N, C-alpha and C. Protein backbone atom coordinates (compact mmCIF):
# COMPACT_ATOMS: atom_id res chain seq x y z
N MET A 1 1.77 -11.62 1.27
CA MET A 1 2.52 -11.37 0.05
C MET A 1 1.53 -10.95 -1.04
N VAL A 2 1.86 -9.86 -1.71
CA VAL A 2 1.06 -9.36 -2.82
C VAL A 2 1.62 -9.90 -4.13
N HIS A 3 2.93 -9.89 -4.23
CA HIS A 3 3.66 -10.30 -5.42
C HIS A 3 5.09 -10.58 -4.97
N ASP A 4 5.90 -11.20 -5.80
CA ASP A 4 7.29 -11.42 -5.42
C ASP A 4 7.93 -10.10 -4.99
N GLY A 5 8.39 -10.04 -3.77
CA GLY A 5 9.06 -8.84 -3.27
C GLY A 5 8.15 -7.73 -2.81
N VAL A 6 6.83 -7.97 -2.80
CA VAL A 6 5.87 -6.95 -2.38
C VAL A 6 4.94 -7.56 -1.33
N PHE A 7 4.87 -6.91 -0.17
CA PHE A 7 4.06 -7.39 0.95
C PHE A 7 3.10 -6.30 1.38
N ARG A 8 2.05 -6.68 2.10
CA ARG A 8 1.10 -5.73 2.66
C ARG A 8 0.78 -6.13 4.09
N SER A 9 0.39 -5.14 4.89
CA SER A 9 0.02 -5.44 6.27
C SER A 9 -0.68 -4.24 6.89
N GLY A 10 -1.17 -4.45 8.11
CA GLY A 10 -1.56 -3.34 8.95
C GLY A 10 -0.28 -2.78 9.56
N PHE A 11 -0.42 -1.81 10.46
CA PHE A 11 0.78 -1.18 11.03
C PHE A 11 1.57 -2.20 11.84
N PRO A 12 2.82 -2.43 11.47
CA PRO A 12 3.63 -3.41 12.21
C PRO A 12 4.23 -2.80 13.48
N GLY A 13 3.88 -3.35 14.61
CA GLY A 13 4.41 -2.87 15.87
C GLY A 13 5.69 -3.61 16.25
N PRO A 14 6.25 -3.28 17.40
CA PRO A 14 7.50 -3.89 17.85
C PRO A 14 7.47 -5.42 17.87
N ALA A 15 6.32 -6.01 18.13
CA ALA A 15 6.22 -7.47 18.14
C ALA A 15 6.48 -8.06 16.75
N SER A 16 6.38 -7.25 15.71
CA SER A 16 6.58 -7.71 14.33
C SER A 16 8.00 -7.49 13.82
N PHE A 17 8.83 -6.79 14.58
CA PHE A 17 10.15 -6.43 14.08
C PHE A 17 10.99 -7.64 13.66
N ARG A 18 10.94 -8.68 14.44
CA ARG A 18 11.73 -9.88 14.12
C ARG A 18 11.29 -10.48 12.78
N PHE A 19 9.96 -10.57 12.61
CA PHE A 19 9.44 -11.10 11.34
C PHE A 19 9.81 -10.18 10.18
N LEU A 20 9.67 -8.87 10.36
CA LEU A 20 10.03 -7.93 9.30
C LEU A 20 11.51 -8.09 8.94
N GLY A 21 12.34 -8.31 9.93
CA GLY A 21 13.76 -8.54 9.67
C GLY A 21 13.98 -9.76 8.80
N SER A 22 13.15 -10.77 8.98
CA SER A 22 13.30 -12.00 8.18
C SER A 22 12.93 -11.77 6.71
N LEU A 23 12.15 -10.73 6.43
CA LEU A 23 11.76 -10.43 5.05
C LEU A 23 12.87 -9.70 4.29
N LYS A 24 13.87 -9.22 5.02
CA LYS A 24 15.00 -8.50 4.40
C LYS A 24 14.51 -7.30 3.58
N LEU A 25 13.55 -6.55 4.16
CA LEU A 25 12.96 -5.41 3.46
C LEU A 25 14.00 -4.35 3.13
N ARG A 26 13.82 -3.72 1.98
CA ARG A 26 14.61 -2.54 1.61
C ARG A 26 13.80 -1.28 1.85
N SER A 27 12.46 -1.41 1.72
CA SER A 27 11.61 -0.23 1.77
C SER A 27 10.27 -0.52 2.43
N ILE A 28 9.72 0.54 2.99
CA ILE A 28 8.34 0.51 3.49
C ILE A 28 7.61 1.68 2.85
N VAL A 29 6.41 1.41 2.32
CA VAL A 29 5.51 2.44 1.82
C VAL A 29 4.44 2.60 2.89
N TYR A 30 4.50 3.74 3.58
CA TYR A 30 3.61 4.04 4.70
C TYR A 30 2.56 5.03 4.21
N LEU A 31 1.28 4.70 4.36
CA LEU A 31 0.20 5.46 3.73
C LEU A 31 -0.61 6.34 4.68
N CYS A 32 -0.22 6.48 5.93
CA CYS A 32 -0.96 7.30 6.89
C CYS A 32 -0.32 8.69 7.01
N PRO A 33 -1.11 9.69 7.40
CA PRO A 33 -0.55 11.05 7.53
C PRO A 33 0.30 11.26 8.79
N GLU A 34 0.08 10.44 9.81
CA GLU A 34 0.80 10.62 11.07
C GLU A 34 2.28 10.29 10.90
N PRO A 35 3.13 10.98 11.67
CA PRO A 35 4.57 10.64 11.63
C PRO A 35 4.79 9.19 12.06
N TYR A 36 5.83 8.60 11.53
CA TYR A 36 6.16 7.22 11.90
C TYR A 36 6.60 7.21 13.36
N PRO A 37 6.11 6.27 14.16
CA PRO A 37 6.49 6.23 15.58
C PRO A 37 8.01 6.09 15.75
N GLU A 38 8.52 6.74 16.76
CA GLU A 38 9.97 6.79 16.99
C GLU A 38 10.60 5.40 17.11
N GLU A 39 9.98 4.51 17.86
CA GLU A 39 10.54 3.17 18.03
C GLU A 39 10.60 2.42 16.69
N SER A 40 9.56 2.57 15.89
CA SER A 40 9.53 1.93 14.58
C SER A 40 10.57 2.55 13.64
N ALA A 41 10.70 3.87 13.69
CA ALA A 41 11.69 4.56 12.86
C ALA A 41 13.11 4.12 13.23
N ARG A 42 13.37 3.92 14.52
CA ARG A 42 14.69 3.44 14.94
C ARG A 42 14.95 2.04 14.40
N PHE A 43 13.92 1.18 14.42
CA PHE A 43 14.06 -0.16 13.86
C PHE A 43 14.42 -0.08 12.37
N LEU A 44 13.72 0.78 11.63
CA LEU A 44 14.01 0.93 10.21
C LEU A 44 15.46 1.38 9.99
N GLY A 45 15.90 2.34 10.79
CA GLY A 45 17.28 2.83 10.68
C GLY A 45 18.29 1.74 10.94
N ARG A 46 18.08 0.97 12.01
CA ARG A 46 19.00 -0.13 12.35
C ARG A 46 19.02 -1.20 11.26
N SER A 47 17.89 -1.38 10.59
CA SER A 47 17.74 -2.45 9.60
C SER A 47 18.06 -1.99 8.18
N GLY A 48 18.34 -0.71 8.01
CA GLY A 48 18.64 -0.20 6.67
C GLY A 48 17.43 -0.17 5.75
N ILE A 49 16.24 -0.01 6.33
CA ILE A 49 14.99 0.03 5.56
C ILE A 49 14.62 1.49 5.31
N LYS A 50 14.38 1.83 4.04
CA LYS A 50 14.00 3.20 3.68
C LYS A 50 12.50 3.37 3.81
N LEU A 51 12.10 4.45 4.45
CA LEU A 51 10.68 4.76 4.63
C LEU A 51 10.23 5.73 3.54
N HIS A 52 9.19 5.36 2.81
CA HIS A 52 8.55 6.22 1.82
C HIS A 52 7.18 6.58 2.41
N HIS A 53 7.02 7.82 2.83
CA HIS A 53 5.83 8.25 3.55
C HIS A 53 4.88 9.00 2.61
N PHE A 54 3.69 8.45 2.43
CA PHE A 54 2.65 9.07 1.63
C PHE A 54 1.45 9.30 2.54
N GLY A 55 1.30 10.49 3.05
CA GLY A 55 0.29 10.79 4.06
C GLY A 55 -1.11 10.91 3.49
N ILE A 56 -1.80 9.81 3.38
CA ILE A 56 -3.17 9.79 2.87
C ILE A 56 -4.12 9.74 4.07
N GLN A 57 -5.06 10.68 4.10
CA GLN A 57 -6.05 10.70 5.18
C GLN A 57 -6.95 9.47 5.07
N GLY A 58 -7.36 8.93 6.23
CA GLY A 58 -8.36 7.87 6.24
C GLY A 58 -9.71 8.50 6.00
N HIS A 59 -10.50 7.96 5.10
CA HIS A 59 -11.76 8.59 4.71
C HIS A 59 -12.95 7.71 5.06
N LYS A 60 -13.73 8.17 6.02
CA LYS A 60 -15.00 7.52 6.29
C LYS A 60 -16.11 8.31 5.60
N GLU A 61 -15.83 9.56 5.34
CA GLU A 61 -16.78 10.45 4.68
C GLU A 61 -16.84 10.13 3.19
N PRO A 62 -18.02 9.83 2.67
CA PRO A 62 -18.11 9.40 1.27
C PRO A 62 -17.78 10.49 0.24
N PHE A 63 -17.74 11.75 0.63
CA PHE A 63 -17.52 12.81 -0.36
C PHE A 63 -16.09 13.34 -0.33
N VAL A 64 -15.22 12.70 0.42
CA VAL A 64 -13.82 13.09 0.46
C VAL A 64 -13.07 12.24 -0.54
N GLY A 65 -12.32 12.88 -1.40
CA GLY A 65 -11.64 12.15 -2.47
C GLY A 65 -10.36 11.47 -2.02
N ILE A 66 -10.02 10.41 -2.69
CA ILE A 66 -8.74 9.72 -2.50
C ILE A 66 -7.74 10.41 -3.43
N PRO A 67 -6.59 10.80 -2.92
CA PRO A 67 -5.64 11.56 -3.75
C PRO A 67 -4.96 10.70 -4.82
N GLU A 68 -5.46 10.81 -6.05
CA GLU A 68 -4.98 9.96 -7.14
C GLU A 68 -3.49 10.14 -7.39
N GLU A 69 -2.99 11.37 -7.33
CA GLU A 69 -1.56 11.59 -7.61
C GLU A 69 -0.69 10.95 -6.53
N THR A 70 -1.14 10.96 -5.29
CA THR A 70 -0.38 10.33 -4.20
C THR A 70 -0.35 8.82 -4.40
N ILE A 71 -1.46 8.24 -4.79
CA ILE A 71 -1.51 6.80 -5.08
C ILE A 71 -0.54 6.48 -6.22
N ARG A 72 -0.54 7.32 -7.23
CA ARG A 72 0.35 7.14 -8.38
C ARG A 72 1.83 7.18 -7.95
N GLU A 73 2.19 8.11 -7.08
CA GLU A 73 3.57 8.22 -6.59
C GLU A 73 3.95 7.01 -5.74
N ALA A 74 3.03 6.54 -4.92
CA ALA A 74 3.29 5.33 -4.12
C ALA A 74 3.51 4.13 -5.04
N LEU A 75 2.72 4.03 -6.09
CA LEU A 75 2.88 2.92 -7.04
C LEU A 75 4.24 2.97 -7.73
N LYS A 76 4.73 4.15 -8.03
CA LYS A 76 6.05 4.27 -8.65
C LYS A 76 7.13 3.67 -7.76
N VAL A 77 7.02 3.91 -6.46
CA VAL A 77 7.97 3.33 -5.50
C VAL A 77 7.83 1.81 -5.49
N ILE A 78 6.60 1.33 -5.45
CA ILE A 78 6.33 -0.11 -5.38
C ILE A 78 6.80 -0.82 -6.64
N LEU A 79 6.63 -0.21 -7.78
CA LEU A 79 7.00 -0.83 -9.05
C LEU A 79 8.51 -0.83 -9.31
N ASP A 80 9.24 0.00 -8.60
CA ASP A 80 10.69 0.08 -8.78
C ASP A 80 11.36 -1.06 -8.01
N VAL A 81 11.85 -2.06 -8.72
CA VAL A 81 12.41 -3.25 -8.06
C VAL A 81 13.62 -2.92 -7.19
N ARG A 82 14.22 -1.76 -7.37
CA ARG A 82 15.33 -1.36 -6.48
C ARG A 82 14.85 -1.17 -5.05
N ASN A 83 13.55 -1.00 -4.87
CA ASN A 83 12.96 -0.84 -3.53
C ASN A 83 12.52 -2.16 -2.92
N HIS A 84 12.64 -3.25 -3.65
CA HIS A 84 12.17 -4.56 -3.18
C HIS A 84 13.21 -5.25 -2.33
N PRO A 85 12.77 -6.04 -1.41
CA PRO A 85 11.39 -6.26 -0.96
C PRO A 85 10.83 -5.00 -0.29
N VAL A 86 9.54 -4.78 -0.53
CA VAL A 86 8.84 -3.60 -0.02
C VAL A 86 7.58 -4.03 0.70
N LEU A 87 7.29 -3.35 1.81
CA LEU A 87 6.06 -3.57 2.56
C LEU A 87 5.19 -2.34 2.41
N ILE A 88 3.92 -2.54 2.05
CA ILE A 88 2.93 -1.47 1.96
C ILE A 88 2.05 -1.59 3.20
N HIS A 89 1.87 -0.47 3.91
CA HIS A 89 0.94 -0.55 5.05
C HIS A 89 0.34 0.80 5.39
N CYS A 90 -0.81 0.70 6.04
CA CYS A 90 -1.47 1.85 6.65
C CYS A 90 -1.75 1.43 8.10
N LYS A 91 -2.87 1.81 8.67
CA LYS A 91 -3.14 1.39 10.05
C LYS A 91 -3.58 -0.06 10.12
N ARG A 92 -4.61 -0.40 9.37
CA ARG A 92 -5.18 -1.75 9.44
C ARG A 92 -4.92 -2.59 8.19
N GLY A 93 -4.35 -1.97 7.14
CA GLY A 93 -4.08 -2.72 5.91
C GLY A 93 -5.31 -2.99 5.08
N LYS A 94 -6.36 -2.20 5.29
CA LYS A 94 -7.62 -2.45 4.59
C LYS A 94 -7.90 -1.46 3.47
N HIS A 95 -8.10 -0.20 3.82
CA HIS A 95 -8.61 0.77 2.85
C HIS A 95 -7.53 1.43 2.02
N ARG A 96 -6.63 2.18 2.65
CA ARG A 96 -5.56 2.84 1.89
C ARG A 96 -4.67 1.80 1.21
N THR A 97 -4.26 0.80 1.97
CA THR A 97 -3.44 -0.28 1.40
C THR A 97 -4.23 -1.02 0.33
N GLY A 98 -5.50 -1.26 0.59
CA GLY A 98 -6.35 -1.95 -0.39
C GLY A 98 -6.48 -1.18 -1.69
N CYS A 99 -6.59 0.14 -1.61
CA CYS A 99 -6.67 0.96 -2.83
C CYS A 99 -5.37 0.90 -3.62
N VAL A 100 -4.24 1.01 -2.93
CA VAL A 100 -2.95 0.96 -3.62
C VAL A 100 -2.76 -0.41 -4.28
N VAL A 101 -3.04 -1.48 -3.53
CA VAL A 101 -2.89 -2.82 -4.09
C VAL A 101 -3.89 -3.04 -5.23
N GLY A 102 -5.10 -2.53 -5.10
CA GLY A 102 -6.08 -2.66 -6.17
C GLY A 102 -5.62 -1.97 -7.45
N CYS A 103 -5.02 -0.81 -7.31
CA CYS A 103 -4.49 -0.09 -8.49
C CYS A 103 -3.31 -0.85 -9.08
N LEU A 104 -2.49 -1.45 -8.23
CA LEU A 104 -1.39 -2.29 -8.71
C LEU A 104 -1.96 -3.47 -9.51
N ARG A 105 -3.03 -4.06 -9.00
CA ARG A 105 -3.65 -5.19 -9.70
C ARG A 105 -4.17 -4.77 -11.07
N LYS A 106 -4.69 -3.55 -11.18
CA LYS A 106 -5.13 -3.07 -12.49
C LYS A 106 -3.95 -2.99 -13.44
N LEU A 107 -2.82 -2.53 -12.94
CA LEU A 107 -1.60 -2.49 -13.77
C LEU A 107 -1.16 -3.88 -14.19
N GLN A 108 -1.45 -4.86 -13.34
CA GLN A 108 -1.12 -6.25 -13.65
C GLN A 108 -2.19 -6.90 -14.53
N ARG A 109 -3.15 -6.10 -14.93
CA ARG A 109 -4.23 -6.52 -15.83
C ARG A 109 -5.17 -7.55 -15.22
N TRP A 110 -5.41 -7.44 -13.91
CA TRP A 110 -6.40 -8.29 -13.28
C TRP A 110 -7.79 -7.82 -13.71
N ARG A 111 -8.73 -8.75 -13.78
CA ARG A 111 -10.13 -8.39 -14.00
C ARG A 111 -10.61 -7.59 -12.79
N LEU A 112 -11.47 -6.62 -13.03
CA LEU A 112 -11.97 -5.77 -11.94
C LEU A 112 -12.67 -6.59 -10.87
N SER A 113 -13.38 -7.64 -11.25
CA SER A 113 -14.06 -8.48 -10.26
C SER A 113 -13.04 -9.13 -9.31
N SER A 114 -11.88 -9.53 -9.84
CA SER A 114 -10.84 -10.13 -9.00
C SER A 114 -10.18 -9.09 -8.10
N VAL A 115 -10.01 -7.87 -8.61
CA VAL A 115 -9.48 -6.77 -7.80
C VAL A 115 -10.40 -6.54 -6.61
N PHE A 116 -11.72 -6.49 -6.88
CA PHE A 116 -12.69 -6.26 -5.81
C PHE A 116 -12.74 -7.43 -4.84
N ASP A 117 -12.64 -8.65 -5.34
CA ASP A 117 -12.64 -9.83 -4.45
C ASP A 117 -11.49 -9.74 -3.45
N GLU A 118 -10.29 -9.38 -3.95
CA GLU A 118 -9.15 -9.26 -3.05
C GLU A 118 -9.36 -8.13 -2.04
N TYR A 119 -9.85 -6.98 -2.51
CA TYR A 119 -10.12 -5.86 -1.61
C TYR A 119 -11.12 -6.28 -0.52
N LEU A 120 -12.19 -6.94 -0.92
CA LEU A 120 -13.21 -7.37 0.04
C LEU A 120 -12.68 -8.40 1.02
N HIS A 121 -11.76 -9.23 0.59
CA HIS A 121 -11.15 -10.22 1.48
C HIS A 121 -10.49 -9.52 2.67
N PHE A 122 -9.80 -8.43 2.43
CA PHE A 122 -9.11 -7.71 3.51
C PHE A 122 -10.01 -6.72 4.23
N ALA A 123 -10.90 -6.05 3.50
CA ALA A 123 -11.75 -5.02 4.12
C ALA A 123 -12.97 -5.63 4.81
N ALA A 124 -13.44 -6.77 4.33
CA ALA A 124 -14.59 -7.50 4.90
C ALA A 124 -15.78 -6.56 5.12
N ALA A 125 -16.31 -6.56 6.33
CA ALA A 125 -17.50 -5.76 6.63
C ALA A 125 -17.23 -4.26 6.57
N LYS A 126 -15.97 -3.87 6.56
CA LYS A 126 -15.60 -2.44 6.53
C LYS A 126 -15.36 -1.94 5.10
N ALA A 127 -15.70 -2.75 4.10
CA ALA A 127 -15.48 -2.35 2.70
C ALA A 127 -16.22 -1.05 2.40
N ARG A 128 -15.61 -0.24 1.55
CA ARG A 128 -16.20 1.04 1.18
C ARG A 128 -16.42 1.09 -0.32
N LYS A 129 -17.61 1.45 -0.70
CA LYS A 129 -17.93 1.60 -2.13
C LYS A 129 -17.06 2.68 -2.77
N THR A 130 -16.71 3.72 -2.00
CA THR A 130 -15.88 4.79 -2.55
C THR A 130 -14.49 4.26 -2.92
N ASP A 131 -13.96 3.33 -2.14
CA ASP A 131 -12.67 2.72 -2.48
C ASP A 131 -12.78 1.93 -3.78
N GLN A 132 -13.84 1.15 -3.90
CA GLN A 132 -14.03 0.34 -5.10
C GLN A 132 -14.24 1.23 -6.32
N ARG A 133 -14.97 2.28 -6.16
CA ARG A 133 -15.19 3.22 -7.27
C ARG A 133 -13.87 3.86 -7.69
N PHE A 134 -13.05 4.24 -6.69
CA PHE A 134 -11.74 4.82 -6.99
C PHE A 134 -10.90 3.85 -7.81
N MET A 135 -10.83 2.60 -7.37
CA MET A 135 -10.03 1.60 -8.09
C MET A 135 -10.57 1.40 -9.51
N GLU A 136 -11.88 1.37 -9.64
CA GLU A 136 -12.49 1.18 -10.96
C GLU A 136 -12.11 2.30 -11.92
N LEU A 137 -12.10 3.53 -11.42
CA LEU A 137 -11.85 4.69 -12.28
C LEU A 137 -10.38 5.08 -12.37
N PHE A 138 -9.52 4.45 -11.58
CA PHE A 138 -8.11 4.82 -11.57
C PHE A 138 -7.50 4.63 -12.95
N ASP A 139 -6.86 5.69 -13.43
CA ASP A 139 -6.26 5.69 -14.77
C ASP A 139 -4.80 5.20 -14.66
N THR A 140 -4.53 4.05 -15.21
CA THR A 140 -3.19 3.47 -15.15
C THR A 140 -2.29 3.92 -16.31
N SER A 141 -2.83 4.70 -17.23
CA SER A 141 -2.10 5.00 -18.47
C SER A 141 -0.74 5.66 -18.24
N SER A 142 -0.60 6.47 -17.20
CA SER A 142 0.69 7.14 -16.98
C SER A 142 1.72 6.20 -16.33
N LEU A 143 1.30 5.01 -15.95
CA LEU A 143 2.20 4.06 -15.29
C LEU A 143 2.48 2.82 -16.13
N VAL A 144 1.82 2.67 -17.25
CA VAL A 144 1.94 1.42 -18.02
C VAL A 144 3.34 1.19 -18.57
N HIS A 145 4.15 2.23 -18.65
CA HIS A 145 5.53 2.05 -19.12
C HIS A 145 6.42 1.41 -18.06
N LEU A 146 5.94 1.36 -16.82
CA LEU A 146 6.70 0.75 -15.73
C LEU A 146 6.35 -0.73 -15.64
N PRO A 147 7.32 -1.60 -15.38
CA PRO A 147 6.99 -3.03 -15.28
C PRO A 147 6.14 -3.31 -14.05
N ALA A 148 5.03 -4.00 -14.26
CA ALA A 148 4.14 -4.33 -13.15
C ALA A 148 4.33 -5.80 -12.83
């Protein structure tokens, strides 16, 4: 749980469907560029869960930028309580999910050190300085009118 009505995870497979059903999700924010797997998409359809797909490339290369506008659009979905409960996920729930949640934390006025602590908790040894730099420089001004 990230916040009331907001959850995060790695990619939920069929073994997770029962648990996801217990969360009574309305929406999923999916952050990978690949199409949603057919079996998972069928589960969403049966469960009445809306998929919001934001295809962000996974970046191991330090000179590839994180798409700020895409992160901003994903945050708009997450901040809209009509989409709650909402699950945010990518493949492992570390980098792309960590950046989105870190930017959400900035909107919630968390100290940057606490944002980084949470990011490092999930990313562990795979933490990326480029992700932390992105979160540090992310401009929340266009989203501050939305309730965080």
